[in-house]
PDB file of N, CA and C in Angstrom:
ATOM      1  N   UNK A   1      34.142 -26.364  31.394  1.00  0.00           N
ATOM      2  CA  UNK A   1      33.382 -26.185  30.544  1.00  0.00           C
ATOM      3  C   UNK A   1      33.157 -24.674  31.107  1.00  0.00           C
ATOM      4  N   UNK A   2      32.901 -23.675  29.973  1.00  0.00           N
ATOM      5  CA  UNK A   2      32.666 -22.600  30.425  1.00  0.00           C
ATOM      6  C   UNK A   2      31.386 -21.949  30.923  1.00  0.00           C
ATOM      7  N   UNK A   3      31.006 -20.893  31.657  1.00  0.00           N
ATOM      8  CA  UNK A   3      29.725 -20.614  31.943  1.00  0.00           C
ATOM      9  C   UNK A   3      28.998 -19.761  30.983  1.00  0.00           C
ATOM     10  N   UNK A   4      27.629 -20.489  30.875  1.00  0.00           N
ATOM     11  CA  UNK A   4      26.881 -19.810  29.584  1.00  0.00           C
ATOM     12  C   UNK A   4      26.470 -19.026  30.275  1.00  0.00           C
ATOM     13  N   UNK A   5      26.494 -17.689  29.212  1.00  0.00           N
ATOM     14  CA  UNK A   5      25.901 -16.262  30.220  1.00  0.00           C
ATOM     15  C   UNK A   5      24.396 -16.268  30.117  1.00  0.00           C
ATOM     16  N   UNK A   6      23.863 -15.715  30.994  1.00  0.00           N
ATOM     17  CA  UNK A   6      22.135 -16.070  31.203  1.00  0.00           C
ATOM     18  C   UNK A   6      21.393 -14.805  30.127  1.00  0.00           C
ATOM     19  N   UNK A   7      20.357 -15.086  29.526  1.00  0.00           N
ATOM     20  CA  UNK A   7      19.972 -14.188  29.002  1.00  0.00           C
ATOM     21  C   UNK A   7      19.490 -12.756  29.375  1.00  0.00           C
ATOM     22  N   UNK A   8      19.606 -11.559  28.607  1.00  0.00           N
ATOM     23  CA  UNK A   8      18.945 -10.403  29.334  1.00  0.00           C
ATOM     24  C   UNK A   8      17.536 -10.411  29.642  1.00  0.00           C
ATOM     25  N   UNK A   9      16.631 -10.060  30.454  1.00  0.00           N
ATOM     26  CA  UNK A   9      15.459 -10.452  30.543  1.00  0.00           C
ATOM     27  C   UNK A   9      15.038  -8.944  30.299  1.00  0.00           C
ATOM     28  N   UNK A  10      13.624  -8.685  29.871  1.00  0.00           N
ATOM     29  CA  UNK A  10      13.480  -7.453  29.188  1.00  0.00           C
ATOM     30  C   UNK A  10      13.124  -7.189  28.197  1.00  0.00           C
ATOM     31  N   UNK A  11      12.794  -5.970  27.635  1.00  0.00           N
ATOM     32  CA  UNK A  11      12.973  -5.622  26.024  1.00  0.00           C
ATOM     33  C   UNK A  11      13.986  -4.608  25.808  1.00  0.00           C
ATOM     34  N   UNK A  12      14.556  -4.721  24.318  1.00  0.00           N
ATOM     35  CA  UNK A  12      14.903  -3.713  24.001  1.00  0.00           C
ATOM     36  C   UNK A  12      15.076  -2.597  23.507  1.00  0.00           C
ATOM     37  N   UNK A  13      16.104  -1.531  23.975  1.00  0.00           N
ATOM     38  CA  UNK A  13      15.532  -0.034  23.942  1.00  0.00           C
ATOM     39  C   UNK A  13      15.297   0.341  22.774  1.00  0.00           C
ATOM     40  N   UNK A  14      14.025   0.681  22.596  1.00  0.00           N
ATOM     41  CA  UNK A  14      13.442   1.544  20.854  1.00  0.00           C
ATOM     42  C   UNK A  14      14.287   2.376  20.324  1.00  0.00           C
ATOM     43  N   UNK A  15      14.641   1.917  18.955  1.00  0.00           N
ATOM     44  CA  UNK A  15      15.282   2.493  18.227  1.00  0.00           C
ATOM     45  C   UNK A  15      14.562   3.870  17.125  1.00  0.00           C
ATOM     46  N   UNK A  16      14.917   4.486  17.053  1.00  0.00           N
ATOM     47  CA  UNK A  16      14.461   5.438  16.042  1.00  0.00           C
ATOM     48  C   UNK A  16      15.137   6.082  14.784  1.00  0.00           C
ATOM     49  N   UNK A  17      15.064   6.000  13.850  1.00  0.00           N
ATOM     50  CA  UNK A  17      15.900   6.020  12.997  1.00  0.00           C
ATOM     51  C   UNK A  17      14.708   7.533  12.078  1.00  0.00           C
ATOM     52  N   UNK A  18      15.823   8.222  11.551  1.00  0.00           N
ATOM     53  CA  UNK A  18      15.493   9.493  10.628  1.00  0.00           C
ATOM     54  C   UNK A  18      15.742   9.202   9.393  1.00  0.00           C
ATOM     55  N   UNK A  19      15.448   8.742   8.173  1.00  0.00           N
ATOM     56  CA  UNK A  19      15.806   9.153   6.649  1.00  0.00           C
ATOM     57  C   UNK A  19      15.120  10.504   6.279  1.00  0.00           C
ATOM     58  N   UNK A  20      16.183  10.566   5.437  1.00  0.00           N
ATOM     59  CA  UNK A  20      15.765  11.656   3.997  1.00  0.00           C
ATOM     60  C   UNK A  20      15.781  11.268   2.916  1.00  0.00           C
ATOM     61  N   UNK A  21      14.786  11.356   2.157  1.00  0.00           N
ATOM     62  CA  UNK A  21      15.228  11.039   0.480  1.00  0.00           C
ATOM     63  C   UNK A  21      15.301  12.248  -0.410  1.00  0.00           C
ATOM     64  N   UNK A  22      15.890  12.850  -0.532  1.00  0.00           N
ATOM     65  CA  UNK A  22      16.437  14.125  -1.404  1.00  0.00           C
ATOM     66  C   UNK A  22      16.294  14.220  -2.739  1.00  0.00           C
ATOM     67  N   UNK A  23      14.902  14.193  -3.292  1.00  0.00           N
ATOM     68  CA  UNK A  23      14.836  14.472  -5.135  1.00  0.00           C
ATOM     69  C   UNK A  23      14.198  15.769  -5.688  1.00  0.00           C
ATOM     70  N   UNK A  24      14.917  17.019  -4.741  1.00  0.00           N
ATOM     71  CA  UNK A  24      14.427  18.272  -5.380  1.00  0.00           C
ATOM     72  C   UNK A  24      15.008  18.730  -6.778  1.00  0.00           C
ATOM     73  N   UNK A  25      16.094  18.369  -6.750  1.00  0.00           N
ATOM     74  CA  UNK A  25      16.805  18.300  -7.801  1.00  0.00           C
ATOM     75  C   UNK A  25      15.822  17.908  -9.501  1.00  0.00           C
ATOM     76  N   UNK A  26      15.570  16.925  -9.309  1.00  0.00           N
ATOM     77  CA  UNK A  26      14.844  15.753 -10.738  1.00  0.00           C
ATOM     78  C   UNK A  26      13.085  16.717 -10.318  1.00  0.00           C
ATOM     79  N   UNK A  27      12.619  16.779  -9.211  1.00  0.00           N
ATOM     80  CA  UNK A  27      11.584  17.168  -8.895  1.00  0.00           C
ATOM     81  C   UNK A  27      11.267  18.548  -9.777  1.00  0.00           C
ATOM     82  N   UNK A  28      12.168  19.582  -9.362  1.00  0.00           N
ATOM     83  CA  UNK A  28      11.987  20.712  -9.763  1.00  0.00           C
ATOM     84  C   UNK A  28      11.958  21.045 -11.579  1.00  0.00           C
ATOM     85  N   UNK A  29      12.766  19.922 -12.309  1.00  0.00           N
ATOM     86  CA  UNK A  29      13.043  19.928 -13.360  1.00  0.00           C
ATOM     87  C   UNK A  29      11.678  18.970 -13.880  1.00  0.00           C
ATOM     88  N   UNK A  30      10.740  18.633 -13.193  1.00  0.00           N
ATOM     89  CA  UNK A  30       9.175  18.131 -13.421  1.00  0.00           C
ATOM     90  C   UNK A  30       9.729  16.869 -14.102  1.00  0.00           C
ATOM     91  N   UNK A  31      10.171  16.150 -13.801  1.00  0.00           N
ATOM     92  CA  UNK A  31      10.285  14.927 -14.249  1.00  0.00           C
ATOM     93  C   UNK A  31      10.474  13.722 -13.352  1.00  0.00           C
ATOM     94  N   UNK A  32      10.351  13.603 -11.979  1.00  0.00           N
ATOM     95  CA  UNK A  32      10.214  12.895 -10.960  1.00  0.00           C
ATOM     96  C   UNK A  32       8.792  13.688  -9.690  1.00  0.00           C
ATOM     97  N   UNK A  33       8.261  12.533  -9.671  1.00  0.00           N
ATOM     98  CA  UNK A  33       6.807  12.732  -8.925  1.00  0.00           C
ATOM     99  C   UNK A  33       6.946  11.973  -7.551  1.00  0.00           C
ATOM    100  N   UNK A  34       6.987  13.272  -6.753  1.00  0.00           N
ATOM    101  CA  UNK A  34       7.326  12.922  -5.482  1.00  0.00           C
ATOM    102  C   UNK A  34       5.656  12.515  -4.928  1.00  0.00           C
ATOM    103  N   UNK A  35       4.948  12.891  -4.681  1.00  0.00           N
ATOM    104  CA  UNK A  35       3.784  12.273  -4.201  1.00  0.00           C
ATOM    105  C   UNK A  35       3.751  10.943  -4.537  1.00  0.00           C
ATOM    106  N   UNK A  36       3.845  10.530  -5.987  1.00  0.00           N
ATOM    107  CA  UNK A  36       3.854   9.305  -6.271  1.00  0.00           C
ATOM    108  C   UNK A  36       4.802   8.678  -5.808  1.00  0.00           C
ATOM    109  N   UNK A  37       6.104   8.742  -5.534  1.00  0.00           N
ATOM    110  CA  UNK A  37       7.083   8.360  -4.858  1.00  0.00           C
ATOM    111  C   UNK A  37       6.484   7.970  -3.403  1.00  0.00           C
ATOM    112  N   UNK A  38       5.947   8.883  -2.844  1.00  0.00           N
ATOM    113  CA  UNK A  38       5.578   8.965  -1.259  1.00  0.00           C
ATOM    114  C   UNK A  38       4.259   7.708  -1.190  1.00  0.00           C
ATOM    115  N   UNK A  39       3.779   7.444  -2.145  1.00  0.00           N
ATOM    116  CA  UNK A  39       2.485   6.478  -2.649  1.00  0.00           C
ATOM    117  C   UNK A  39       3.536   5.243  -2.637  1.00  0.00           C
ATOM    118  N   UNK A  40       4.003   5.250  -3.340  1.00  0.00           N
ATOM    119  CA  UNK A  40       5.089   3.794  -3.387  1.00  0.00           C
ATOM    120  C   UNK A  40       5.369   3.168  -2.084  1.00  0.00           C
ATOM    121  N   UNK A  41       6.356   4.621  -1.296  1.00  0.00           N
ATOM    122  CA  UNK A  41       6.765   3.764  -0.521  1.00  0.00           C
ATOM    123  C   UNK A  41       5.796   3.212   0.888  1.00  0.00           C
ATOM    124  N   UNK A  42       5.263   3.978   0.491  1.00  0.00           N
ATOM    125  CA  UNK A  42       3.790   3.510   1.691  1.00  0.00           C
ATOM    126  C   UNK A  42       3.229   2.083   1.537  1.00  0.00           C
ATOM    127  N   UNK A  43       2.977   1.381   0.226  1.00  0.00           N
ATOM    128  CA  UNK A  43       2.508   0.829  -0.309  1.00  0.00           C
ATOM    129  C   UNK A  43       3.680  -0.481  -0.322  1.00  0.00           C
ATOM    130  N   UNK A  44       5.017   0.153  -0.541  1.00  0.00           N
ATOM    131  CA  UNK A  44       5.981  -1.111  -0.748  1.00  0.00           C
ATOM    132  C   UNK A  44       7.221  -1.713   0.620  1.00  0.00           C
ATOM    133  N   UNK A  45       6.911  -0.372   1.656  1.00  0.00           N
ATOM    134  CA  UNK A  45       7.777  -0.812   2.692  1.00  0.00           C
ATOM    135  C   UNK A  45       7.165  -1.827   3.691  1.00  0.00           C
ATOM    136  N   UNK A  46       8.251  -2.727   4.083  1.00  0.00           N
ATOM    137  CA  UNK A  46       7.376  -4.049   4.786  1.00  0.00           C
ATOM    138  C   UNK A  46       7.994  -4.309   6.291  1.00  0.00           C
ATOM    139  N   UNK A  47       7.015  -4.254   6.995  1.00  0.00           N
ATOM    140  CA  UNK A  47       7.257  -4.727   8.294  1.00  0.00           C
ATOM    141  C   UNK A  47       6.533  -5.695   8.790  1.00  0.00           C
ATOM    142  N   UNK A  48       7.406  -6.149   9.420  1.00  0.00           N
ATOM    143  CA  UNK A  48       7.658  -7.451  10.162  1.00  0.00           C
ATOM    144  C   UNK A  48       6.951  -8.864   8.949  1.00  0.00           C
ATOM    145  N   UNK A  49       7.930  -8.472   7.973  1.00  0.00           N
ATOM    146  CA  UNK A  49       7.782  -9.426   6.899  1.00  0.00           C
ATOM    147  C   UNK A  49       6.084  -8.754   6.228  1.00  0.00           C
ATOM    148  N   UNK A  50       5.811  -8.203   6.096  1.00  0.00           N
ATOM    149  CA  UNK A  50       4.303  -8.169   5.423  1.00  0.00           C
ATOM    150  C   UNK A  50       4.243  -6.131   4.711  1.00  0.00           C
ATOM    151  N   UNK A  51       3.931  -6.186   3.945  1.00  0.00           N
ATOM    152  CA  UNK A  51       3.667  -4.939   2.991  1.00  0.00           C
ATOM    153  C   UNK A  51       2.207  -4.201   3.885  1.00  0.00           C
ATOM    154  N   UNK A  52       1.913  -3.246   3.558  1.00  0.00           N
ATOM    155  CA  UNK A  52       0.948  -2.260   4.173  1.00  0.00           C
ATOM    156  C   UNK A  52       0.922  -2.070   5.629  1.00  0.00           C
ATOM    157  N   UNK A  53       1.958  -2.482   6.464  1.00  0.00           N
ATOM    158  CA  UNK A  53       1.974  -3.190   7.999  1.00  0.00           C
ATOM    159  C   UNK A  53       2.415  -1.870   8.705  1.00  0.00           C
ATOM    160  N   UNK A  54       2.397  -0.410   8.192  1.00  0.00           N
ATOM    161  CA  UNK A  54       3.181   0.595   8.819  1.00  0.00           C
ATOM    162  C   UNK A  54       2.543   1.020  10.546  1.00  0.00           C
ATOM    163  N   UNK A  55       1.410   1.162  10.112  1.00  0.00           N
ATOM    164  CA  UNK A  55       0.821   1.989  11.297  1.00  0.00           C
ATOM    165  C   UNK A  55       1.610   2.844  12.251  1.00  0.00           C
ATOM    166  N   UNK A  56       1.750   2.339  13.055  1.00  0.00           N
ATOM    167  CA  UNK A  56       2.875   3.629  13.689  1.00  0.00           C
ATOM    168  C   UNK A  56       3.911   3.702  14.145  1.00  0.00           C
ATOM    169  N   UNK A  57       4.361   2.634  13.548  1.00  0.00           N
ATOM    170  CA  UNK A  57       5.576   1.951  13.672  1.00  0.00           C
ATOM    171  C   UNK A  57       6.807   3.297  12.206  1.00  0.00           C
ATOM    172  N   UNK A  58       5.758   3.473  11.583  1.00  0.00           N
ATOM    173  CA  UNK A  58       7.238   4.059  10.451  1.00  0.00           C
ATOM    174  C   UNK A  58       6.089   4.845   9.964  1.00  0.00           C
ATOM    175  N   UNK A  59       6.481   6.416   9.661  1.00  0.00           N
ATOM    176  CA  UNK A  59       6.106   7.654   9.353  1.00  0.00           C
ATOM    177  C   UNK A  59       6.689   8.499   8.549  1.00  0.00           C
ATOM    178  N   UNK A  60       5.523   8.588   7.391  1.00  0.00           N
ATOM    179  CA  UNK A  60       6.349   9.125   6.121  1.00  0.00           C
ATOM    180  C   UNK A  60       5.403  10.248   5.781  1.00  0.00           C
ATOM    181  N   UNK A  61       6.534  11.382   5.045  1.00  0.00           N
ATOM    182  CA  UNK A  61       5.951  12.410   5.137  1.00  0.00           C
ATOM    183  C   UNK A  61       6.519  13.343   4.370  1.00  0.00           C
ATOM    184  N   UNK A  62       6.168  14.348   3.461  1.00  0.00           N
ATOM    185  CA  UNK A  62       6.941  15.089   2.317  1.00  0.00           C
ATOM    186  C   UNK A  62       7.309  16.439   3.265  1.00  0.00           C
ATOM    187  N   UNK A  63       8.621  16.849   2.763  1.00  0.00           N
ATOM    188  CA  UNK A  63       9.352  17.898   3.742  1.00  0.00           C
ATOM    189  C   UNK A  63       9.516  18.985   2.366  1.00  0.00           C
ATOM    190  N   UNK A  64       8.783  19.852   2.428  1.00  0.00           N
ATOM    191  CA  UNK A  64       9.590  21.237   1.666  1.00  0.00           C
ATOM    192  C   UNK A  64       9.311  20.236   0.350  1.00  0.00           C
ATOM    193  N   UNK A  65       9.730  21.435  -0.585  1.00  0.00           N
ATOM    194  CA  UNK A  65       9.619  20.732  -2.212  1.00  0.00           C
ATOM    195  C   UNK A  65      10.464  19.708  -2.624  1.00  0.00           C
ATOM    196  N   UNK A  66       9.862  18.164  -2.842  1.00  0.00           N
ATOM    197  CA  UNK A  66      11.331  17.385  -3.626  1.00  0.00           C
ATOM    198  C   UNK A  66      11.782  16.663  -2.252  1.00  0.00           C
ATOM    199  N   UNK A  67      11.302  16.679  -1.311  1.00  0.00           N
ATOM    200  CA  UNK A  67      12.181  16.331  -0.029  1.00  0.00           C
ATOM    201  C   UNK A  67      10.646  14.978   0.782  1.00  0.00           C
ATOM    202  N   UNK A  68      11.313  13.822   1.273  1.00  0.00           N
ATOM    203  CA  UNK A  68      10.814  12.901   1.934  1.00  0.00           C
ATOM    204  C   UNK A  68      11.116  12.461   2.988  1.00  0.00           C
ATOM    205  N   UNK A  69      11.037  12.202   3.875  1.00  0.00           N
ATOM    206  CA  UNK A  69      11.240  12.271   5.062  1.00  0.00           C
ATOM    207  C   UNK A  69      10.221  10.815   5.536  1.00  0.00           C
ATOM    208  N   UNK A  70      11.425   9.792   6.124  1.00  0.00           N
ATOM    209  CA  UNK A  70      10.904   8.784   6.778  1.00  0.00           C
ATOM    210  C   UNK A  70      11.244   8.305   7.969  1.00  0.00           C
ATOM    211  N   UNK A  71      10.527   8.422   8.915  1.00  0.00           N
ATOM    212  CA  UNK A  71      10.681   8.077  10.896  1.00  0.00           C
ATOM    213  C   UNK A  71      10.035   6.705  11.069  1.00  0.00           C
ATOM    214  N   UNK A  72      11.696   6.283  11.210  1.00  0.00           N
ATOM    215  CA  UNK A  72      11.021   4.432  11.719  1.00  0.00           C
ATOM    216  C   UNK A  72      11.459   4.456  13.192  1.00  0.00           C
ATOM    217  N   UNK A  73      10.594   3.794  13.810  1.00  0.00           N
ATOM    218  CA  UNK A  73      10.372   3.450  15.168  1.00  0.00           C
ATOM    219  C   UNK A  73      11.104   1.917  15.694  1.00  0.00           C
ATOM    220  N   UNK A  74      11.667   1.305  14.504  1.00  0.00           N
ATOM    221  CA  UNK A  74      12.099  -0.043  14.510  1.00  0.00           C
ATOM    222  C   UNK A  74      13.361  -0.287  13.485  1.00  0.00           C
ATOM    223  N   UNK A  75      13.894  -1.055  13.596  1.00  0.00           N
ATOM    224  CA  UNK A  75      14.813  -1.546  12.671  1.00  0.00           C
ATOM    225  C   UNK A  75      14.545  -1.560  11.020  1.00  0.00           C
ATOM    226  N   UNK A  76      14.897   0.297  10.715  1.00  0.00           N
ATOM    227  CA  UNK A  76      14.847  -0.163   9.220  1.00  0.00           C
ATOM    228  C   UNK A  76      15.795   0.105   8.428  1.00  0.00           C
ATOM    229  N   UNK A  77      16.663  -0.408   7.376  1.00  0.00           N
ATOM    230  CA  UNK A  77      17.672  -0.293   6.773  1.00  0.00           C
ATOM    231  C   UNK A  77      17.775   0.724   5.969  1.00  0.00           C
ATOM    232  N   UNK A  78      18.834   1.777   5.452  1.00  0.00           N
ATOM    233  CA  UNK A  78      18.894   2.516   4.779  1.00  0.00           C
ATOM    234  C   UNK A  78      19.273   1.969   3.287  1.00  0.00           C
ATOM    235  N   UNK A  79      19.354   0.968   3.257  1.00  0.00           N
ATOM    236  CA  UNK A  79      19.731  -0.007   1.855  1.00  0.00           C
ATOM    237  C   UNK A  79      18.602  -0.742   1.370  1.00  0.00           C
ATOM    238  N   UNK A  80      17.683  -0.680   2.425  1.00  0.00           N
ATOM    239  CA  UNK A  80      16.555  -1.251   2.074  1.00  0.00           C
ATOM    240  C   UNK A  80      15.511  -0.115   1.235  1.00  0.00           C
ATOM    241  N   UNK A  81      15.541   1.495   1.823  1.00  0.00           N
ATOM    242  CA  UNK A  81      14.840   2.524   1.173  1.00  0.00           C
ATOM    243  C   UNK A  81      15.894   2.687  -0.075  1.00  0.00           C
ATOM    244  N   UNK A  82      17.387   2.396  -0.367  1.00  0.00           N
ATOM    245  CA  UNK A  82      17.924   2.455  -1.386  1.00  0.00           C
ATOM    246  C   UNK A  82      17.320   1.284  -2.387  1.00  0.00           C
ATOM    247  N   UNK A  83      17.466   0.679  -2.163  1.00  0.00           N
ATOM    248  CA  UNK A  83      16.563  -0.027  -2.950  1.00  0.00           C
ATOM    249  C   UNK A  83      14.889  -0.004  -3.392  1.00  0.00           C
ATOM    250  N   UNK A  84      14.413   0.273  -2.556  1.00  0.00           N
ATOM    251  CA  UNK A  84      13.056   0.860  -3.182  1.00  0.00           C
ATOM    252  C   UNK A  84      12.863   1.639  -3.483  1.00  0.00           C
ATOM    253  N   UNK A  85      13.827   3.038  -3.474  1.00  0.00           N
ATOM    254  CA  UNK A  85      14.152   3.930  -4.625  1.00  0.00           C
ATOM    255  C   UNK A  85      14.174   4.074  -5.808  1.00  0.00           C
ATOM    256  N   UNK A  86      15.439   2.427  -5.935  1.00  0.00           N
ATOM    257  CA  UNK A  86      15.732   2.421  -7.062  1.00  0.00           C
ATOM    258  C   UNK A  86      14.930   1.351  -8.078  1.00  0.00           C
ATOM    259  N   UNK A  87      14.023   0.737  -7.339  1.00  0.00           N
ATOM    260  CA  UNK A  87      12.635   0.064  -8.068  1.00  0.00           C
ATOM    261  C   UNK A  87      11.970   0.848  -8.332  1.00  0.00           C
ATOM    262  N   UNK A  88      11.327   2.076  -7.935  1.00  0.00           N
ATOM    263  CA  UNK A  88      10.711   3.062  -8.367  1.00  0.00           C
ATOM    264  C   UNK A  88      11.038   3.789  -9.331  1.00  0.00           C
ATOM    265  N   UNK A  89      12.397   3.913  -9.607  1.00  0.00           N
ATOM    266  CA  UNK A  89      13.245   4.606 -10.720  1.00  0.00           C
ATOM    267  C   UNK A  89      12.813   3.790 -11.700  1.00  0.00           C
ATOM    268  N   UNK A  90      12.919   2.617 -11.681  1.00  0.00           N
ATOM    269  CA  UNK A  90      12.908   1.377 -12.737  1.00  0.00           C
ATOM    270  C   UNK A  90      11.603   1.390 -13.320  1.00  0.00           C
ATOM    271  N   UNK A  91      10.740   1.459 -12.233  1.00  0.00           N
ATOM    272  CA  UNK A  91       8.976   1.367 -12.831  1.00  0.00           C
ATOM    273  C   UNK A  91       8.511   2.430 -13.383  1.00  0.00           C
ATOM    274  N   UNK A  92       9.453   3.612 -13.112  1.00  0.00           N
ATOM    275  CA  UNK A  92       9.383   5.086 -13.957  1.00  0.00           C
ATOM    276  C   UNK A  92       9.336   5.201 -15.484  1.00  0.00           C
ATOM    277  N   UNK A  93      10.815   4.150 -15.265  1.00  0.00           N
ATOM    278  CA  UNK A  93      11.701   4.247 -16.260  1.00  0.00           C
ATOM    279  C   UNK A  93      12.419   5.835 -16.394  1.00  0.00           C
ATOM    280  N   UNK A  94      13.135   5.987 -15.329  1.00  0.00           N
ATOM    281  CA  UNK A  94      14.421   7.519 -15.226  1.00  0.00           C
ATOM    282  C   UNK A  94      15.462   6.426 -14.125  1.00  0.00           C
ATOM    283  N   UNK A  95      15.825   4.679 -14.119  1.00  0.00           N
ATOM    284  CA  UNK A  95      17.140   4.690 -14.097  1.00  0.00           C
ATOM    285  C   UNK A  95      18.232   5.113 -14.738  1.00  0.00           C
ATOM    286  N   UNK A  96      17.905   5.371 -16.166  1.00  0.00           N
ATOM    287  CA  UNK A  96      19.105   5.463 -17.148  1.00  0.00           C
ATOM    288  C   UNK A  96      19.720   6.974 -16.875  1.00  0.00           C
ATOM    289  N   UNK A  97      18.985   7.931 -16.015  1.00  0.00           N
ATOM    290  CA  UNK A  97      18.902   9.386 -16.130  1.00  0.00           C
ATOM    291  C   UNK A  97      19.198   9.911 -14.239  1.00  0.00           C
ATOM    292  N   UNK A  98      18.340   8.601 -13.843  1.00  0.00           N
ATOM    293  CA  UNK A  98      19.036   8.973 -11.695  1.00  0.00           C
ATOM    294  C   UNK A  98      19.881   8.011 -11.245  1.00  0.00           C
ATOM    295  N   UNK A  99      20.458   8.907 -10.216  1.00  0.00           N
ATOM    296  CA  UNK A  99      20.950   7.960  -9.282  1.00  0.00           C
ATOM    297  C   UNK A  99      20.927   8.312  -7.978  1.00  0.00           C
ATOM    298  N   UNK A 100      20.785   7.061  -6.799  1.00  0.00           N
ATOM    299  CA  UNK A 100      20.330   7.147  -5.219  1.00  0.00           C
ATOM    300  C   UNK A 100      22.428   7.342  -4.839  1.00  0.00           C
ATOM    301  N   UNK A 101      22.236   8.677  -4.437  1.00  0.00           N
ATOM    302  CA  UNK A 101      23.760   8.410  -4.128  1.00  0.00           C
ATOM    303  C   UNK A 101      23.661   9.225  -2.425  1.00  0.00           C
ATOM    304  N   UNK A 102      24.063   8.418  -1.340  1.00  0.00           N
ATOM    305  CA  UNK A 102      23.888   8.543   0.138  1.00  0.00           C
ATOM    306  C   UNK A 102      24.838   9.782   0.245  1.00  0.00           C
ATOM    307  N   UNK A 103      24.772  11.558   0.744  1.00  0.00           N
ATOM    308  CA  UNK A 103      25.124  12.065   0.693  1.00  0.00           C
ATOM    309  C   UNK A 103      25.819  12.183   2.269  1.00  0.00           C
ATOM    310  N   UNK A 104      25.025  11.777   3.131  1.00  0.00           N
ATOM    311  CA  UNK A 104      25.819  11.659   4.513  1.00  0.00           C
ATOM    312  C   UNK A 104      24.734  10.355   5.386  1.00  0.00           C
ATOM    313  N   UNK A 105      24.957  10.264   6.441  1.00  0.00           N
ATOM    314  CA  UNK A 105      24.432   9.243   6.976  1.00  0.00           C
ATOM    315  C   UNK A 105      22.691   9.544   7.826  1.00  0.00           C
ATOM    316  N   UNK A 106      21.897   8.482   6.889  1.00  0.00           N
ATOM    317  CA  UNK A 106      20.486   8.840   6.717  1.00  0.00           C
ATOM    318  C   UNK A 106      19.888   9.831   5.640  1.00  0.00           C
ATOM    319  N   UNK A 107      20.548  10.624   4.816  1.00  0.00           N
ATOM    320  CA  UNK A 107      20.640  11.225   3.713  1.00  0.00           C
ATOM    321  C   UNK A 107      20.660  10.642   2.348  1.00  0.00           C
ATOM    322  N   UNK A 108      19.229  10.442   1.581  1.00  0.00           N
ATOM    323  CA  UNK A 108      19.781   9.808   0.439  1.00  0.00           C
ATOM    324  C   UNK A 108      19.439  11.036  -0.618  1.00  0.00           C
ATOM    325  N   UNK A 109      20.286  11.368  -1.995  1.00  0.00           N
ATOM    326  CA  UNK A 109      19.874  12.377  -2.326  1.00  0.00           C
ATOM    327  C   UNK A 109      19.721  11.589  -4.435  1.00  0.00           C
ATOM    328  N   UNK A 110      18.712  12.597  -5.085  1.00  0.00           N
ATOM    329  CA  UNK A 110      18.973  11.779  -6.227  1.00  0.00           C
ATOM    330  C   UNK A 110      19.536  12.359  -7.486  1.00  0.00           C
ATOM    331  N   UNK A 111      20.593  12.589  -8.018  1.00  0.00           N
ATOM    332  CA  UNK A 111      21.441  13.250  -8.277  1.00  0.00           C
ATOM    333  C   UNK A 111      21.018  12.379 -10.054  1.00  0.00           C
ATOM    334  N   UNK A 112      21.040  13.316 -10.775  1.00  0.00           N
ATOM    335  CA  UNK A 112      21.696  12.952 -12.631  1.00  0.00           C
ATOM    336  C   UNK A 112      22.933  12.681 -12.578  1.00  0.00           C
ATOM    337  N   UNK A 113      23.061  11.303 -13.821  1.00  0.00           N
ATOM    338  CA  UNK A 113      24.380  11.280 -14.153  1.00  0.00           C
ATOM    339  C   UNK A 113      25.198  12.333 -14.985  1.00  0.00           C
ATOM    340  N   UNK A 114      26.153  12.054 -14.740  1.00  0.00           N
ATOM    341  CA  UNK A 114      27.246  13.089 -15.299  1.00  0.00           C
ATOM    342  C   UNK A 114      27.073  12.691 -16.866  1.00  0.00           C
ATOM    343  N   UNK A 115      26.458  13.369 -17.699  1.00  0.00           N
ATOM    344  CA  UNK A 115      26.987  12.535 -18.969  1.00  0.00           C
ATOM    345  C   UNK A 115      27.522  13.811 -20.056  1.00  0.00           C
ATOM    346  N   UNK A 116      28.929  13.336 -19.988  1.00  0.00           N
ATOM    347  CA  UNK A 116      29.628  14.152 -20.474  1.00  0.00           C
ATOM    348  C   UNK A 116      29.776  13.980 -22.476  1.00  0.00           C
ATOM    349  N   UNK A 117      29.919  14.623 -23.213  1.00  0.00           N
ATOM    350  CA  UNK A 117      30.121  14.737 -24.616  1.00  0.00           C
ATOM    351  C   UNK A 117      31.271  13.993 -24.888  1.00  0.00           C
ATOM    352  N   UNK A 118      30.849  12.624 -25.372  1.00  0.00           N
ATOM    353  CA  UNK A 118      32.283  11.782 -26.127  1.00  0.00           C
ATOM    354  C   UNK A 118      32.307  12.115 -27.237  1.00  0.00           C
ATOM    355  N   UNK A 119      31.582  13.275 -28.244  1.00  0.00           N
ATOM    356  CA  UNK A 119      32.035  13.244 -29.589  1.00  0.00           C
ATOM    357  C   UNK A 119      32.999  13.951 -29.316  1.00  0.00           C
ATOM    358  N   UNK A 120      33.182  14.961 -28.443  1.00  0.00           N
ATOM    359  CA  UNK A 120      34.221  15.783 -28.715  1.00  0.00           C
ATOM    360  C   UNK A 120      35.870  15.427 -28.389  1.00  0.00           C
ATOM    361  N   UNK A 121      35.688  14.069 -27.234  1.00  0.00           N
ATOM    362  CA  UNK A 121      36.821  13.496 -27.449  1.00  0.00           C
ATOM    363  C   UNK A 121      36.993  12.902 -28.459  1.00  0.00           C
ATOM    364  N   UNK A 122      36.475  12.518 -29.089  1.00  0.00           N
ATOM    365  CA  UNK A 122      36.521  11.497 -30.481  1.00  0.00           C
ATOM    366  C   UNK A 122      37.528  12.069 -31.358  1.00  0.00           C
ATOM    367  N   UNK A 123      36.907  13.314 -31.606  1.00  0.00           N
ATOM    368  CA  UNK A 123      37.507  14.338 -32.529  1.00  0.00           C
ATOM    369  C   UNK A 123      38.353  14.389 -32.507  1.00  0.00           C
ATOM    370  N   UNK A 124      39.410  14.791 -30.936  1.00  0.00           N
ATOM    371  CA  UNK A 124      40.904  14.656 -31.008  1.00  0.00           C
ATOM    372  C   UNK A 124      41.660  13.686 -31.331  1.00  0.00           C
ATOM    373  N   UNK A 125      40.943  12.607 -31.325  1.00  0.00           N
ATOM    374  CA  UNK A 125      41.819  11.359 -32.037  1.00  0.00           C
ATOM    375  C   UNK A 125      42.363  11.221 -33.519  1.00  0.00           C
TER     376      UNK A 125
END
């Protein structure tokens, strides 16, 4: 029988993750309310399975025009932030015009869908 590895004693090292959600393009067009989105994130992010339990673990703040910065001192997934952003867009009925795209690690950007004029293509046929 193989020896069983003993569990390490002590706490796991603290992880700090920084996420940025860039909504400057729709915010400059006045169709996206950044402060309402910040409040939505404050109300909806779950910590230890409970909503409204942010405390000192997660900090949410606006950075400039249309950017929200989330600093988490625990395990917070970027996919979870993307999910919450999509949920907010659906609530505000903006999901048909905006999409959430990851531009780099920890950075999410709200972009407009590329709407190409299909009528011009149909006329050629």
